Amino acid sequence: MSRPGWLLVALLACGCGSTTAPSTDDWPWHNLSVSGTVSLAGQSQLSGDTVQVRLTFRNQGSTAARVEFGVCAFGVQGVGRHGAEWDNHPAPNVSCANFGLVVDLKPGESRDIPVYRATASHIRESVPRDYYNISILVREAGVLRRFRAGGLEL
């Protein structure tokens, strides 16, 4: 895993615990900025009791590309078949460090960035067992974009 990826995992583990309730305050708070031709793709995985969600940046161009984002630039949302929802919005009175991370990509290079990690049992404390469609939300130039990241049986 890349240095920015490990840093983001550490920051999320320390300060961005989820409420599991759908957010209403313009989450995610930080923007994502892309310079170059970069595609984004989401993926989710359940490993034991651990839910992991990551976003892959892939430079599709013939020149170098750069992706810049803040610690709280990624929203993760799960929507169940029966309507229950959860997301990774930080708990009340939790703030995000206000600094950015930079990922430089050579032509053809891709990088996986972990954007969420939690236990399924923690999520199930607030929502029923169900199959959840997972999405990653990012703000790019102030516009909220949604990337599908598969689904998980929780």
Protein backbone atom coordinates (compact mmCIF):
# COMPACT_ATOMS: atom_id res chain seq x y z
CA MET A 1 0.00 0.00 0.00
CA SER A 2 1.27 3.49 -0.78
CA ARG A 3 2.38 5.98 1.86
CA PRO A 4 -0.70 8.21 1.33
CA GLY A 5 -2.88 5.10 1.65
CA TRP A 6 -1.38 4.06 4.98
CA LEU A 7 -1.59 7.62 6.27
CA LEU A 8 -5.25 7.84 5.33
CA VAL A 9 -6.01 4.50 7.02
CA ALA A 10 -4.28 5.68 10.19
CA LEU A 11 -6.15 9.00 10.22
CA LEU A 12 -9.51 7.35 9.57
CA ALA A 13 -8.89 4.81 12.32
CA CYS A 14 -7.96 7.53 14.82
CA GLY A 15 -10.41 10.30 14.11
CA CYS A 16 -13.20 9.52 11.70
CA GLY A 17 -15.40 6.95 13.37
CA SER A 18 -18.71 6.55 11.63
CA THR A 19 -22.10 7.34 13.06
CA THR A 20 -23.75 4.75 10.75
CA ALA A 21 -26.64 7.21 10.31
CA PRO A 22 -27.11 8.93 6.94
CA SER A 23 -25.52 12.38 6.96
CA THR A 24 -27.19 15.65 6.10
CA ASP A 25 -24.43 18.28 6.38
CA ASP A 26 -22.67 18.20 3.00
CA TRP A 27 -20.49 15.20 3.88
CA PRO A 28 -17.80 14.64 2.62
CA TRP A 29 -16.35 17.96 3.73
CA HIS A 30 -13.09 18.11 1.75
CA ASN A 31 -12.70 18.33 -2.03
CA LEU A 32 -10.87 16.06 -4.43
CA SER A 33 -8.88 17.72 -7.20
CA VAL A 34 -7.68 15.89 -10.32
CA SER A 35 -5.08 17.19 -12.78
CA GLY A 36 -4.77 14.99 -15.85
CA THR A 37 -6.86 12.14 -17.21
CA VAL A 38 -7.62 10.01 -14.17
CA SER A 39 -10.39 7.42 -13.82
CA LEU A 40 -11.82 6.53 -10.43
CA ALA A 41 -13.30 3.15 -9.49
CA GLY A 42 -14.59 1.91 -6.16
CA GLN A 43 -14.42 -1.51 -4.55
CA SER A 44 -15.71 -2.98 -1.30
CA GLN A 45 -14.74 -6.15 0.49
CA LEU A 46 -15.79 -8.05 3.60
CA SER A 47 -12.88 -9.91 5.15
CA GLY A 48 -13.95 -11.74 8.29
CA ASP A 49 -15.80 -9.05 10.24
CA THR A 50 -13.94 -6.16 8.56
CA VAL A 51 -15.55 -3.96 5.91
CA GLN A 52 -12.95 -2.36 3.64
CA VAL A 53 -13.73 0.16 0.91
CA ARG A 54 -11.14 1.60 -1.47
CA LEU A 55 -10.99 3.92 -4.44
CA THR A 56 -8.60 3.26 -7.31
CA PHE A 57 -7.07 6.18 -9.21
CA ARG A 58 -5.81 5.21 -12.69
CA ASN A 59 -3.92 7.60 -14.96
CA GLN A 60 -5.46 7.06 -18.40
CA GLY A 61 -3.33 9.78 -20.03
CA SER A 62 0.05 9.84 -21.69
CA THR A 63 1.48 12.39 -19.24
CA ALA A 64 1.79 12.51 -15.46
CA ALA A 65 -1.36 13.16 -13.42
CA ARG A 66 -2.00 14.35 -9.88
CA VAL A 67 -4.84 13.77 -7.43
CA GLU A 68 -5.14 15.95 -4.32
CA PHE A 69 -7.59 15.41 -1.48
CA GLY A 70 -8.21 16.12 2.17
CA VAL A 71 -8.53 13.55 4.93
CA CYS A 72 -12.33 13.85 4.92
CA ALA A 73 -12.76 13.85 1.14
CA PHE A 74 -14.45 10.46 0.88
CA GLY A 75 -17.97 9.60 1.92
CA VAL A 76 -18.96 5.95 2.02
CA GLN A 77 -22.61 4.96 2.02
CA GLY A 78 -24.40 1.64 2.21
CA VAL A 79 -28.03 1.30 1.14
CA GLY A 80 -29.80 -1.96 1.96
CA ARG A 81 -32.32 -3.79 -0.20
CA HIS A 82 -34.98 -2.98 2.40
CA GLY A 83 -34.15 0.73 2.70
CA ALA A 84 -31.80 0.88 5.70
CA GLU A 85 -28.80 3.21 5.24
CA TRP A 86 -25.45 3.84 6.90
CA ASP A 87 -22.49 6.07 6.08
CA ASN A 88 -19.05 6.97 7.39
CA HIS A 89 -19.90 10.45 8.59
CA PRO A 90 -17.73 11.28 11.63
CA ALA A 91 -19.42 11.09 15.01
CA PRO A 92 -20.60 14.38 16.57
CA ASN A 93 -17.81 16.64 17.83
CA VAL A 94 -15.22 14.87 15.65
CA SER A 95 -13.38 17.11 13.24
CA CYS A 96 -11.10 16.28 10.34
CA ALA A 97 -7.52 17.44 10.12
CA ASN A 98 -7.36 20.19 7.53
CA PHE A 99 -4.43 19.14 5.37
CA GLY A 100 -4.15 17.58 1.96
CA LEU A 101 -2.64 14.46 0.50
CA VAL A 102 -1.15 14.27 -2.99
CA VAL A 103 -0.94 11.23 -5.25
CA ASP A 104 1.24 11.60 -8.36
CA LEU A 105 0.61 9.04 -11.11
CA LYS A 106 2.82 8.19 -14.06
CA PRO A 107 1.09 7.36 -17.38
CA GLY A 108 -0.74 4.04 -16.98
CA GLU A 109 -0.11 3.89 -13.22
CA SER A 110 -2.88 3.16 -10.74
CA ARG A 111 -3.09 3.53 -6.97
CA ASP A 112 -5.55 2.04 -4.48
CA ILE A 113 -6.56 4.41 -1.67
CA PRO A 114 -8.34 2.92 1.35
CA VAL A 115 -11.26 5.20 2.19
CA TYR A 116 -13.14 3.24 4.88
CA ARG A 117 -12.51 0.42 7.30
CA ALA A 118 -14.90 -0.71 10.05
CA THR A 119 -16.26 -3.86 11.59
CA ALA A 120 -19.48 -5.26 10.17
CA SER A 121 -20.65 -5.85 13.75
CA HIS A 122 -20.31 -2.09 14.45
CA ILE A 123 -22.39 -1.25 11.37
CA ARG A 124 -25.01 -3.85 12.36
CA GLU A 125 -25.49 -2.08 15.71
CA SER A 126 -27.47 0.58 13.80
CA VAL A 127 -28.87 -1.22 10.74
CA PRO A 128 -30.37 -4.67 10.18
CA ARG A 129 -28.64 -7.57 8.45
CA ASP A 130 -29.12 -7.12 4.73
CA TYR A 131 -27.32 -6.85 1.40
CA TYR A 132 -25.98 -3.27 1.08
CA ASN A 133 -25.01 -1.51 -2.15
CA ILE A 134 -21.88 0.48 -1.37
CA SER A 135 -21.03 3.88 -2.89
CA ILE A 136 -18.10 6.25 -2.48
CA LEU A 137 -18.94 9.95 -2.63
CA VAL A 138 -16.41 12.67 -3.48
CA ARG A 139 -16.66 16.41 -4.09
CA GLU A 140 -14.80 17.52 -7.17
CA ALA A 141 -14.88 21.26 -7.82
CA GLY A 142 -17.80 21.46 -5.38
CA VAL A 143 -19.88 18.87 -7.27
CA LEU A 144 -20.79 15.66 -5.45
CA ARG A 145 -19.96 12.53 -7.48
CA ARG A 146 -20.91 8.95 -6.63
CA PHE A 147 -18.85 5.88 -7.52
CA ARG A 148 -20.31 2.42 -7.05
CA ALA A 149 -18.16 0.12 -4.98
CA GLY A 150 -20.08 -3.14 -5.22
CA GLY A 151 -22.16 -4.64 -2.46
CA LEU A 152 -21.80 -6.56 0.77
CA GLU A 153 -23.95 -8.88 2.85
CA LEU A 154 -23.78 -7.46 6.38
